[in-house]
Amino acid sequence: MVIKSVNLETVCGITSKLPVHELPEFAFSGKSNVGKSTLINALMNRKSYARVSEKPGKTQTINYYNVNNACYLVDLPGYGYAGVRLDVKAQWGPMIENYLHTSPSLKAVFLLVDIRHDPSANDVLMFDWVVHSGFVPVIIATKADKLKRSQVAGAVRNIGKILKENSTYGKEVTLQVIPFSGQTKAGLDSIYAVIDGFL
């Protein structure tokens, strides 16, 4: 995919009505500080279009990025961070679930998990939500540059194994797990390939 234009077209808060698009949508989900904004910026070939923050919980809205007038990259709120007010956090779940269940243009969901750690209970819950909504998420194992190259394959297998073993709905799905580095951009071509396959 050659990036020609990028536009943050729509930002939806908790009370917003979700837009209906004819162009395909690709959603990105993951716990706070997992590297979601870094990945989206890399995909859009922009340094800081999606806001990257040292402080977890920065993305509190659903952000729609129009890419090349060909598709939308949809940045979902990060989950699992304790520093966000409970009343706000309690509303994110229904907002994300509503998006997964009702967006007619959603083609694929990318679930980001930190390659250095076992998937959390929240990661498994999100995985289940996605599968229950009719999608098999593409798992992105972020921060792959933080491991030795010899450790990556084992960490990738471990993430897939834990997600499936602890899942209610996704025990039988065939998972694709792509290691990604925001530093080196390794894995970006594989993610583009998934998106291009739908386009």
N, C-alpha and C. Protein backbone atom coordinates (compact mmCIF):
# COMPACT_ATOMS: atom_id res chain seq x y z
N MET A 1 0.85 -1.19 0.00
CA MET A 1 0.00 0.00 0.00
C MET A 1 0.88 1.24 0.00
N VAL A 2 0.68 2.11 -0.95
CA VAL A 2 1.39 3.38 -1.01
C VAL A 2 0.48 4.45 -0.40
N ILE A 3 0.98 5.12 0.64
CA ILE A 3 0.16 6.12 1.34
C ILE A 3 0.25 7.46 0.61
N LYS A 4 -0.89 7.91 0.10
CA LYS A 4 -0.94 9.19 -0.61
C LYS A 4 -1.62 10.27 0.22
N SER A 5 -2.63 9.89 0.99
CA SER A 5 -3.33 10.88 1.81
C SER A 5 -3.86 10.24 3.08
N VAL A 6 -3.85 11.03 4.15
CA VAL A 6 -4.36 10.59 5.45
C VAL A 6 -5.17 11.73 6.05
N ASN A 7 -6.33 11.41 6.60
CA ASN A 7 -7.16 12.45 7.20
C ASN A 7 -7.90 11.87 8.40
N LEU A 8 -7.70 12.49 9.58
CA LEU A 8 -8.51 12.11 10.75
C LEU A 8 -9.89 12.70 10.52
N GLU A 9 -10.81 11.86 10.08
CA GLU A 9 -12.08 12.34 9.55
C GLU A 9 -13.17 12.43 10.62
N THR A 10 -13.20 11.46 11.54
CA THR A 10 -14.27 11.43 12.54
C THR A 10 -13.70 10.98 13.88
N VAL A 11 -14.15 11.65 14.95
CA VAL A 11 -13.80 11.27 16.31
C VAL A 11 -15.11 11.05 17.07
N CYS A 12 -15.30 9.84 17.59
CA CYS A 12 -16.56 9.50 18.28
C CYS A 12 -16.31 9.27 19.76
N GLY A 13 -17.02 10.03 20.59
CA GLY A 13 -16.97 9.82 22.03
C GLY A 13 -18.06 8.86 22.47
N ILE A 14 -18.22 8.75 23.76
CA ILE A 14 -19.14 7.78 24.34
C ILE A 14 -20.58 8.01 23.88
N THR A 15 -20.96 9.28 23.72
CA THR A 15 -22.35 9.58 23.36
C THR A 15 -22.54 9.78 21.85
N SER A 16 -21.47 9.66 21.07
CA SER A 16 -21.57 9.93 19.63
C SER A 16 -22.26 8.80 18.89
N LYS A 17 -22.92 9.17 17.80
CA LYS A 17 -23.47 8.16 16.89
C LYS A 17 -22.36 7.74 15.95
N LEU A 18 -22.18 6.44 15.78
CA LEU A 18 -21.11 5.95 14.93
C LEU A 18 -21.43 6.22 13.46
N PRO A 19 -20.43 6.65 12.69
CA PRO A 19 -20.68 6.92 11.28
C PRO A 19 -20.87 5.63 10.49
N VAL A 20 -21.55 5.72 9.37
CA VAL A 20 -21.72 4.59 8.46
C VAL A 20 -20.92 4.90 7.19
N HIS A 21 -19.96 4.05 6.88
CA HIS A 21 -19.08 4.27 5.73
C HIS A 21 -19.30 3.20 4.67
N GLU A 22 -19.09 3.59 3.43
CA GLU A 22 -19.07 2.60 2.35
C GLU A 22 -17.68 2.00 2.20
N LEU A 23 -16.66 2.78 2.55
CA LEU A 23 -15.29 2.27 2.46
C LEU A 23 -15.03 1.25 3.57
N PRO A 24 -14.19 0.25 3.30
CA PRO A 24 -13.89 -0.75 4.32
C PRO A 24 -13.17 -0.16 5.53
N GLU A 25 -13.43 -0.73 6.69
CA GLU A 25 -12.81 -0.29 7.94
C GLU A 25 -11.95 -1.41 8.52
N PHE A 26 -10.83 -1.02 9.09
CA PHE A 26 -9.92 -1.94 9.76
C PHE A 26 -9.67 -1.40 11.16
N ALA A 27 -10.09 -2.16 12.18
CA ALA A 27 -10.05 -1.66 13.55
C ALA A 27 -8.82 -2.17 14.29
N PHE A 28 -8.32 -1.33 15.20
CA PHE A 28 -7.13 -1.65 15.99
C PHE A 28 -7.48 -1.52 17.46
N SER A 29 -7.26 -2.61 18.19
CA SER A 29 -7.61 -2.64 19.60
C SER A 29 -6.43 -3.16 20.40
N GLY A 30 -6.36 -2.75 21.65
CA GLY A 30 -5.29 -3.24 22.52
C GLY A 30 -5.31 -2.50 23.82
N LYS A 31 -4.62 -3.05 24.83
CA LYS A 31 -4.60 -2.38 26.12
C LYS A 31 -3.80 -1.08 26.01
N SER A 32 -4.01 -0.19 26.95
CA SER A 32 -3.32 1.09 26.97
C SER A 32 -1.81 0.89 26.98
N ASN A 33 -1.13 1.70 26.18
CA ASN A 33 0.34 1.69 26.11
C ASN A 33 0.93 0.45 25.42
N VAL A 34 0.12 -0.26 24.65
CA VAL A 34 0.65 -1.44 23.96
C VAL A 34 1.35 -1.07 22.64
N GLY A 35 1.17 0.18 22.20
CA GLY A 35 1.82 0.62 20.96
C GLY A 35 0.86 0.79 19.80
N LYS A 36 -0.41 1.01 20.11
CA LYS A 36 -1.44 1.11 19.06
C LYS A 36 -1.22 2.35 18.19
N SER A 37 -1.01 3.51 18.82
CA SER A 37 -0.80 4.74 18.05
C SER A 37 0.49 4.64 17.23
N THR A 38 1.51 4.01 17.79
CA THR A 38 2.78 3.83 17.06
C THR A 38 2.56 3.00 15.80
N LEU A 39 1.79 1.92 15.93
CA LEU A 39 1.51 1.07 14.77
C LEU A 39 0.69 1.83 13.72
N ILE A 40 -0.35 2.54 14.16
CA ILE A 40 -1.20 3.25 13.21
C ILE A 40 -0.40 4.33 12.49
N ASN A 41 0.46 5.05 13.22
CA ASN A 41 1.33 6.03 12.58
C ASN A 41 2.24 5.39 11.55
N ALA A 42 2.78 4.22 11.88
CA ALA A 42 3.66 3.51 10.93
C ALA A 42 2.89 3.10 9.68
N LEU A 43 1.67 2.59 9.86
CA LEU A 43 0.85 2.19 8.71
C LEU A 43 0.51 3.38 7.83
N MET A 44 0.30 4.55 8.44
CA MET A 44 -0.05 5.75 7.69
C MET A 44 1.18 6.51 7.20
N ASN A 45 2.37 5.99 7.55
CA ASN A 45 3.63 6.64 7.19
C ASN A 45 3.68 8.07 7.71
N ARG A 46 3.23 8.24 8.95
CA ARG A 46 3.27 9.53 9.62
C ARG A 46 3.97 9.36 10.96
N LYS A 47 4.66 10.40 11.41
CA LYS A 47 5.41 10.27 12.66
C LYS A 47 4.52 10.39 13.89
N SER A 48 3.56 11.32 13.86
CA SER A 48 2.78 11.54 15.09
C SER A 48 1.36 12.00 14.78
N TYR A 49 0.76 11.43 13.74
CA TYR A 49 -0.62 11.81 13.40
C TYR A 49 -1.58 11.27 14.46
N ALA A 50 -1.45 9.96 14.73
CA ALA A 50 -2.16 9.39 15.89
C ALA A 50 -1.32 9.73 17.11
N ARG A 51 -1.95 10.28 18.13
CA ARG A 51 -1.20 10.79 19.27
C ARG A 51 -0.57 9.65 20.07
N VAL A 52 0.76 9.73 20.20
CA VAL A 52 1.49 8.77 21.01
C VAL A 52 1.74 9.41 22.36
N SER A 53 1.49 8.67 23.43
CA SER A 53 1.65 9.26 24.76
C SER A 53 2.38 8.29 25.68
N GLU A 54 3.22 8.86 26.54
CA GLU A 54 3.84 8.05 27.60
C GLU A 54 2.79 7.68 28.66
N LYS A 55 1.72 8.47 28.71
CA LYS A 55 0.68 8.24 29.71
C LYS A 55 -0.38 7.31 29.13
N PRO A 56 -0.59 6.13 29.72
CA PRO A 56 -1.62 5.21 29.21
C PRO A 56 -3.01 5.82 29.28
N GLY A 57 -3.90 5.31 28.44
CA GLY A 57 -5.29 5.75 28.46
C GLY A 57 -5.54 7.01 27.67
N LYS A 58 -4.61 7.37 26.77
CA LYS A 58 -4.73 8.63 26.03
C LYS A 58 -5.91 8.58 25.04
N THR A 59 -6.03 7.46 24.31
CA THR A 59 -7.11 7.36 23.34
C THR A 59 -8.41 6.99 24.07
N GLN A 60 -9.32 7.96 24.17
CA GLN A 60 -10.58 7.71 24.87
C GLN A 60 -11.76 7.84 23.91
N THR A 61 -11.47 7.87 22.63
CA THR A 61 -12.50 7.99 21.60
C THR A 61 -12.24 6.96 20.52
N ILE A 62 -13.21 6.77 19.63
CA ILE A 62 -12.99 5.96 18.43
C ILE A 62 -12.60 6.94 17.32
N ASN A 63 -11.40 6.79 16.80
CA ASN A 63 -10.87 7.71 15.80
C ASN A 63 -10.81 7.03 14.43
N TYR A 64 -11.39 7.70 13.43
CA TYR A 64 -11.44 7.15 12.07
C TYR A 64 -10.47 7.91 11.17
N TYR A 65 -9.44 7.20 10.69
CA TYR A 65 -8.47 7.79 9.78
C TYR A 65 -8.76 7.33 8.36
N ASN A 66 -9.08 8.30 7.49
CA ASN A 66 -9.31 7.99 6.07
C ASN A 66 -7.96 7.92 5.38
N VAL A 67 -7.65 6.77 4.79
CA VAL A 67 -6.37 6.56 4.12
C VAL A 67 -6.60 6.40 2.62
N ASN A 68 -6.05 7.32 1.85
CA ASN A 68 -6.11 7.26 0.38
C ASN A 68 -7.54 7.30 -0.18
N ASN A 69 -8.51 7.71 0.65
CA ASN A 69 -9.92 7.60 0.24
C ASN A 69 -10.26 6.18 -0.21
N ALA A 70 -9.54 5.21 0.39
CA ALA A 70 -9.73 3.80 0.02
C ALA A 70 -10.22 2.97 1.19
N CYS A 71 -9.88 3.39 2.43
CA CYS A 71 -10.28 2.64 3.61
C CYS A 71 -10.14 3.51 4.84
N TYR A 72 -10.63 3.00 5.96
CA TYR A 72 -10.46 3.67 7.25
C TYR A 72 -9.67 2.78 8.18
N LEU A 73 -8.68 3.37 8.86
CA LEU A 73 -8.05 2.73 10.00
C LEU A 73 -8.75 3.28 11.24
N VAL A 74 -9.30 2.40 12.05
CA VAL A 74 -10.14 2.81 13.17
C VAL A 74 -9.41 2.48 14.47
N ASP A 75 -9.07 3.53 15.21
CA ASP A 75 -8.34 3.40 16.47
C ASP A 75 -9.34 3.35 17.62
N LEU A 76 -9.43 2.19 18.27
CA LEU A 76 -10.37 2.00 19.38
C LEU A 76 -9.71 2.39 20.71
N PRO A 77 -10.49 2.80 21.70
CA PRO A 77 -9.90 3.18 23.00
C PRO A 77 -9.09 2.04 23.61
N GLY A 78 -7.96 2.39 24.20
CA GLY A 78 -7.17 1.38 24.91
C GLY A 78 -7.91 0.93 26.16
N TYR A 79 -7.69 -0.31 26.56
CA TYR A 79 -8.40 -0.85 27.73
C TYR A 79 -7.42 -1.26 28.81
N GLY A 80 -7.95 -1.48 30.00
CA GLY A 80 -7.15 -2.10 31.06
C GLY A 80 -6.28 -1.16 31.86
N TYR A 81 -6.47 0.17 31.67
CA TYR A 81 -5.62 1.09 32.44
C TYR A 81 -6.39 1.64 33.63
N ALA A 82 -5.79 1.54 34.81
CA ALA A 82 -6.50 1.89 36.05
C ALA A 82 -6.63 3.39 36.27
N GLY A 83 -5.83 4.20 35.55
CA GLY A 83 -5.79 5.63 35.81
C GLY A 83 -6.94 6.42 35.23
N VAL A 84 -7.82 5.77 34.49
CA VAL A 84 -8.97 6.46 33.90
C VAL A 84 -10.15 6.35 34.86
N ARG A 85 -10.93 7.41 34.96
CA ARG A 85 -12.09 7.40 35.85
C ARG A 85 -12.99 6.20 35.57
N LEU A 86 -13.46 5.58 36.64
CA LEU A 86 -14.24 4.34 36.50
C LEU A 86 -15.50 4.54 35.68
N ASP A 87 -16.17 5.69 35.84
CA ASP A 87 -17.41 5.89 35.10
C ASP A 87 -17.16 5.99 33.60
N VAL A 88 -16.00 6.58 33.25
CA VAL A 88 -15.64 6.67 31.83
C VAL A 88 -15.26 5.30 31.30
N LYS A 89 -14.44 4.59 32.09
CA LYS A 89 -13.96 3.27 31.67
C LYS A 89 -15.12 2.29 31.48
N ALA A 90 -16.13 2.41 32.34
CA ALA A 90 -17.28 1.50 32.28
C ALA A 90 -18.06 1.68 30.98
N GLN A 91 -17.95 2.86 30.37
CA GLN A 91 -18.69 3.13 29.14
C GLN A 91 -17.92 2.74 27.88
N TRP A 92 -16.60 2.57 28.02
CA TRP A 92 -15.81 2.19 26.84
C TRP A 92 -16.21 0.82 26.31
N GLY A 93 -16.42 -0.13 27.24
CA GLY A 93 -16.75 -1.50 26.82
C GLY A 93 -17.96 -1.53 25.91
N PRO A 94 -19.10 -0.98 26.35
CA PRO A 94 -20.27 -0.96 25.47
C PRO A 94 -20.02 -0.21 24.16
N MET A 95 -19.21 0.86 24.21
CA MET A 95 -18.91 1.62 22.99
C MET A 95 -18.14 0.76 21.99
N ILE A 96 -17.12 0.05 22.48
CA ILE A 96 -16.32 -0.81 21.59
C ILE A 96 -17.17 -1.98 21.09
N GLU A 97 -17.93 -2.58 22.01
CA GLU A 97 -18.76 -3.73 21.64
C GLU A 97 -19.81 -3.32 20.61
N ASN A 98 -20.40 -2.14 20.79
CA ASN A 98 -21.38 -1.62 19.84
C ASN A 98 -20.75 -1.45 18.46
N TYR A 99 -19.52 -0.92 18.44
CA TYR A 99 -18.82 -0.74 17.16
C TYR A 99 -18.60 -2.10 16.48
N LEU A 100 -18.10 -3.07 17.22
CA LEU A 100 -17.81 -4.39 16.65
C LEU A 100 -19.06 -5.06 16.11
N HIS A 101 -20.18 -4.87 16.81
CA HIS A 101 -21.43 -5.54 16.42
C HIS A 101 -22.17 -4.84 15.29
N THR A 102 -21.99 -3.51 15.16
CA THR A 102 -22.89 -2.77 14.28
C THR A 102 -22.24 -2.14 13.06
N SER A 103 -20.92 -2.07 13.00
CA SER A 103 -20.31 -1.40 11.84
C SER A 103 -20.42 -2.30 10.60
N PRO A 104 -21.17 -1.87 9.57
CA PRO A 104 -21.36 -2.72 8.40
C PRO A 104 -20.12 -2.82 7.51
N SER A 105 -19.17 -1.89 7.69
CA SER A 105 -18.00 -1.84 6.80
C SER A 105 -16.75 -2.46 7.42
N LEU A 106 -16.87 -2.94 8.67
CA LEU A 106 -15.70 -3.51 9.35
C LEU A 106 -15.28 -4.81 8.67
N LYS A 107 -14.03 -4.85 8.24
CA LYS A 107 -13.52 -6.02 7.52
C LYS A 107 -12.60 -6.89 8.37
N ALA A 108 -11.81 -6.25 9.23
CA ALA A 108 -10.85 -7.02 10.04
C ALA A 108 -10.55 -6.25 11.31
N VAL A 109 -10.22 -7.01 12.36
CA VAL A 109 -9.85 -6.42 13.64
C VAL A 109 -8.44 -6.88 13.98
N PHE A 110 -7.58 -5.93 14.28
CA PHE A 110 -6.22 -6.22 14.72
C PHE A 110 -6.16 -6.03 16.23
N LEU A 111 -5.75 -7.08 16.94
CA LEU A 111 -5.65 -7.03 18.39
C LEU A 111 -4.17 -7.01 18.77
N LEU A 112 -3.76 -5.94 19.43
CA LEU A 112 -2.36 -5.76 19.77
C LEU A 112 -2.08 -6.29 21.17
N VAL A 113 -1.01 -7.08 21.29
CA VAL A 113 -0.58 -7.66 22.56
C VAL A 113 0.93 -7.45 22.67
N ASP A 114 1.40 -7.06 23.84
CA ASP A 114 2.83 -6.85 24.07
C ASP A 114 3.54 -8.20 24.03
N ILE A 115 4.50 -8.34 23.12
CA ILE A 115 5.17 -9.64 22.91
C ILE A 115 5.96 -10.08 24.14
N ARG A 116 6.29 -9.14 25.03
CA ARG A 116 7.14 -9.48 26.18
C ARG A 116 6.38 -10.13 27.33
N HIS A 117 5.04 -10.08 27.27
CA HIS A 117 4.23 -10.56 28.40
C HIS A 117 3.15 -11.52 27.92
N ASP A 118 2.71 -12.39 28.82
CA ASP A 118 1.55 -13.22 28.52
C ASP A 118 0.33 -12.32 28.31
N PRO A 119 -0.58 -12.68 27.41
CA PRO A 119 -1.82 -11.91 27.27
C PRO A 119 -2.56 -11.82 28.60
N SER A 120 -3.09 -10.63 28.90
CA SER A 120 -3.79 -10.40 30.17
C SER A 120 -5.23 -10.90 30.06
N ALA A 121 -5.92 -10.89 31.20
CA ALA A 121 -7.35 -11.25 31.20
C ALA A 121 -8.13 -10.31 30.29
N ASN A 122 -7.76 -9.02 30.27
CA ASN A 122 -8.43 -8.06 29.39
C ASN A 122 -8.17 -8.38 27.92
N ASP A 123 -6.96 -8.83 27.60
CA ASP A 123 -6.64 -9.22 26.22
C ASP A 123 -7.53 -10.40 25.79
N VAL A 124 -7.68 -11.38 26.68
CA VAL A 124 -8.51 -12.55 26.38
C VAL A 124 -9.96 -12.14 26.21
N LEU A 125 -10.43 -11.22 27.08
CA LEU A 125 -11.80 -10.73 26.98
C LEU A 125 -12.03 -10.03 25.65
N MET A 126 -11.09 -9.20 25.23
CA MET A 126 -11.22 -8.49 23.96
C MET A 126 -11.19 -9.49 22.80
N PHE A 127 -10.32 -10.47 22.89
CA PHE A 127 -10.25 -11.53 21.88
C PHE A 127 -11.61 -12.22 21.74
N ASP A 128 -12.22 -12.53 22.89
CA ASP A 128 -13.54 -13.17 22.88
C ASP A 128 -14.61 -12.28 22.27
N TRP A 129 -14.59 -10.98 22.62
CA TRP A 129 -15.56 -10.03 22.05
C TRP A 129 -15.47 -10.03 20.53
N VAL A 130 -14.23 -10.00 20.04
CA VAL A 130 -14.02 -9.93 18.58
C VAL A 130 -14.53 -11.20 17.91
N VAL A 131 -14.17 -12.36 18.46
CA VAL A 131 -14.61 -13.63 17.88
C VAL A 131 -16.13 -13.74 17.94
N HIS A 132 -16.71 -13.36 19.09
CA HIS A 132 -18.16 -13.43 19.27
C HIS A 132 -18.88 -12.49 18.29
N SER A 133 -18.18 -11.44 17.85
CA SER A 133 -18.76 -10.50 16.88
C SER A 133 -18.63 -10.97 15.44
N GLY A 134 -18.01 -12.15 15.26
CA GLY A 134 -17.95 -12.73 13.92
C GLY A 134 -16.63 -12.55 13.20
N PHE A 135 -15.60 -12.10 13.90
CA PHE A 135 -14.28 -11.89 13.28
C PHE A 135 -13.24 -12.76 13.96
N VAL A 136 -12.23 -13.15 13.19
CA VAL A 136 -11.05 -13.76 13.79
C VAL A 136 -9.98 -12.68 13.82
N PRO A 137 -9.63 -12.17 14.99
CA PRO A 137 -8.68 -11.06 15.03
C PRO A 137 -7.30 -11.47 14.53
N VAL A 138 -6.64 -10.54 13.87
CA VAL A 138 -5.23 -10.71 13.54
C VAL A 138 -4.46 -10.18 14.74
N ILE A 139 -3.64 -11.02 15.34
CA ILE A 139 -2.91 -10.62 16.56
C ILE A 139 -1.59 -9.96 16.15
N ILE A 140 -1.37 -8.76 16.66
CA ILE A 140 -0.10 -8.07 16.44
C ILE A 140 0.70 -8.11 17.74
N ALA A 141 1.83 -8.78 17.72
CA ALA A 141 2.70 -8.88 18.90
C ALA A 141 3.67 -7.71 18.84
N THR A 142 3.35 -6.63 19.59
CA THR A 142 4.12 -5.39 19.50
C THR A 142 5.42 -5.45 20.30
N LYS A 143 6.28 -4.48 20.03
CA LYS A 143 7.55 -4.27 20.76
C LYS A 143 8.49 -5.46 20.56
N ALA A 144 8.46 -6.02 19.34
CA ALA A 144 9.29 -7.21 19.05
C ALA A 144 10.77 -6.89 19.14
N ASP A 145 11.15 -5.63 18.98
CA ASP A 145 12.57 -5.26 19.08
C ASP A 145 13.10 -5.36 20.51
N LYS A 146 12.19 -5.51 21.49
CA LYS A 146 12.61 -5.61 22.88
C LYS A 146 13.09 -7.02 23.24
N LEU A 147 12.86 -7.99 22.34
CA LEU A 147 13.32 -9.36 22.56
C LEU A 147 14.50 -9.66 21.66
N LYS A 148 15.27 -10.68 22.04
CA LYS A 148 16.29 -11.20 21.12
C LYS A 148 15.58 -11.88 19.96
N ARG A 149 16.19 -11.85 18.80
CA ARG A 149 15.55 -12.45 17.61
C ARG A 149 15.21 -13.91 17.85
N SER A 150 16.05 -14.61 18.60
CA SER A 150 15.82 -16.04 18.85
C SER A 150 14.61 -16.29 19.77
N GLN A 151 14.14 -15.23 20.46
CA GLN A 151 13.02 -15.39 21.39
C GLN A 151 11.67 -15.12 20.74
N VAL A 152 11.67 -14.50 19.57
CA VAL A 152 10.43 -14.00 18.99
C VAL A 152 9.46 -15.13 18.64
N ALA A 153 9.93 -16.17 17.97
CA ALA A 153 9.04 -17.25 17.52
C ALA A 153 8.34 -17.92 18.71
N GLY A 154 9.07 -18.16 19.78
CA GLY A 154 8.48 -18.78 20.97
C GLY A 154 7.45 -17.87 21.63
N ALA A 155 7.74 -16.58 21.67
CA ALA A 155 6.81 -15.62 22.27
C ALA A 155 5.52 -15.54 21.45
N VAL A 156 5.66 -15.59 20.12
CA VAL A 156 4.49 -15.56 19.23
C VAL A 156 3.61 -16.79 19.47
N ARG A 157 4.22 -17.96 19.56
CA ARG A 157 3.46 -19.19 19.82
C ARG A 157 2.75 -19.12 21.16
N ASN A 158 3.45 -18.58 22.16
CA ASN A 158 2.90 -18.47 23.51
C ASN A 158 1.66 -17.58 23.54
N ILE A 159 1.71 -16.46 22.83
CA ILE A 159 0.56 -15.53 22.80
C ILE A 159 -0.66 -16.23 22.20
N GLY A 160 -0.48 -16.89 21.06
CA GLY A 160 -1.59 -17.59 20.43
C GLY A 160 -2.15 -18.69 21.32
N LYS A 161 -1.28 -19.42 21.97
CA LYS A 161 -1.69 -20.54 22.84
C LYS A 161 -2.52 -20.02 24.02
N ILE A 162 -2.05 -18.97 24.69
CA ILE A 162 -2.75 -18.45 25.88
C ILE A 162 -4.10 -17.86 25.50
N LEU A 163 -4.16 -17.11 24.40
CA LEU A 163 -5.43 -16.52 23.98
C LEU A 163 -6.47 -17.62 23.72
N LYS A 164 -6.06 -18.66 23.01
CA LYS A 164 -7.02 -19.71 22.65
C LYS A 164 -7.41 -20.56 23.86
N GLU A 165 -6.44 -20.90 24.69
CA GLU A 165 -6.72 -21.77 25.84
C GLU A 165 -7.65 -21.10 26.85
N ASN A 166 -7.57 -19.78 26.97
CA ASN A 166 -8.37 -19.06 27.97
C ASN A 166 -9.64 -18.45 27.40
N SER A 167 -9.86 -18.67 26.11
CA SER A 167 -11.00 -18.07 25.43
C SER A 167 -12.26 -18.91 25.60
N THR A 168 -13.40 -18.24 25.56
CA THR A 168 -14.69 -18.93 25.55
C THR A 168 -15.10 -19.29 24.13
N TYR A 169 -14.91 -18.37 23.20
CA TYR A 169 -15.42 -18.54 21.84
C TYR A 169 -14.35 -18.88 20.81
N GLY A 170 -13.09 -18.63 21.15
CA GLY A 170 -12.06 -18.71 20.11
C GLY A 170 -11.11 -19.89 20.18
N LYS A 171 -11.52 -20.95 20.89
CA LYS A 171 -10.60 -22.09 21.08
C LYS A 171 -10.25 -22.79 19.77
N GLU A 172 -11.16 -22.76 18.79
CA GLU A 172 -10.95 -23.53 17.56
C GLU A 172 -10.46 -22.67 16.38
N VAL A 173 -10.33 -21.36 16.57
CA VAL A 173 -9.96 -20.52 15.44
C VAL A 173 -8.49 -20.70 15.09
N THR A 174 -8.16 -20.45 13.84
CA THR A 174 -6.76 -20.45 13.40
C THR A 174 -6.25 -19.01 13.47
N LEU A 175 -5.27 -18.80 14.32
CA LEU A 175 -4.80 -17.44 14.57
C LEU A 175 -3.58 -17.10 13.74
N GLN A 176 -3.56 -15.86 13.26
CA GLN A 176 -2.37 -15.29 12.65
C GLN A 176 -1.78 -14.31 13.66
N VAL A 177 -0.53 -14.54 14.05
CA VAL A 177 0.16 -13.65 14.99
C VAL A 177 1.36 -13.04 14.28
N ILE A 178 1.37 -11.71 14.17
CA ILE A 178 2.42 -11.01 13.44
C ILE A 178 3.27 -10.21 14.43
N PRO A 179 4.56 -10.55 14.57
CA PRO A 179 5.42 -9.72 15.43
C PRO A 179 5.70 -8.38 14.74
N PHE A 180 5.64 -7.29 15.51
CA PHE A 180 5.84 -5.95 14.94
C PHE A 180 6.76 -5.12 15.84
N SER A 181 7.63 -4.36 15.21
CA SER A 181 8.50 -3.44 15.94
C SER A 181 8.25 -2.02 15.46
N GLY A 182 7.89 -1.14 16.39
CA GLY A 182 7.74 0.27 16.06
C GLY A 182 9.06 0.94 15.74
N GLN A 183 10.16 0.36 16.25
CA GLN A 183 11.49 0.92 16.01
C GLN A 183 11.98 0.62 14.60
N THR A 184 11.90 -0.66 14.21
CA THR A 184 12.47 -1.09 12.92
C THR A 184 11.42 -1.20 11.83
N LYS A 185 10.14 -1.17 12.21
CA LYS A 185 9.00 -1.35 11.30
C LYS A 185 8.90 -2.79 10.77
N ALA A 186 9.64 -3.72 11.38
CA ALA A 186 9.52 -5.13 11.00
C ALA A 186 8.10 -5.60 11.27
N GLY A 187 7.51 -6.30 10.31
CA GLY A 187 6.15 -6.79 10.43
C GLY A 187 5.14 -5.93 9.70
N LEU A 188 5.54 -4.71 9.32
CA LEU A 188 4.61 -3.78 8.68
C LEU A 188 4.09 -4.34 7.35
N ASP A 189 4.98 -4.95 6.57
CA ASP A 189 4.56 -5.49 5.26
C ASP A 189 3.51 -6.59 5.43
N SER A 190 3.64 -7.39 6.48
CA SER A 190 2.66 -8.46 6.72
C SER A 190 1.30 -7.89 7.08
N ILE A 191 1.30 -6.78 7.81
CA ILE A 191 0.03 -6.14 8.19
C ILE A 191 -0.60 -5.49 6.96
N TYR A 192 0.22 -4.81 6.16
CA TYR A 192 -0.28 -4.26 4.89
C TYR A 192 -0.90 -5.35 4.03
N ALA A 193 -0.26 -6.53 4.01
CA ALA A 193 -0.74 -7.63 3.18
C ALA A 193 -2.15 -8.06 3.59
N VAL A 194 -2.41 -8.07 4.90
CA VAL A 194 -3.75 -8.42 5.39
C VAL A 194 -4.77 -7.38 4.90
N ILE A 195 -4.43 -6.11 5.04
CA ILE A 195 -5.33 -5.03 4.62
C ILE A 195 -5.55 -5.08 3.11
N ASP A 196 -4.44 -5.23 2.36
CA ASP A 196 -4.55 -5.28 0.89
C ASP A 196 -5.40 -6.46 0.43
N GLY A 197 -5.37 -7.55 1.20
CA GLY A 197 -6.17 -8.72 0.84
C GLY A 197 -7.67 -8.42 0.83
N PHE A 198 -8.10 -7.49 1.67
CA PHE A 198 -9.51 -7.09 1.72
C PHE A 198 -9.82 -6.01 0.68
N LEU A 199 -8.81 -5.21 0.33
CA LEU A 199 -9.03 -4.13 -0.63
C LEU A 199 -8.94 -4.63 -2.06
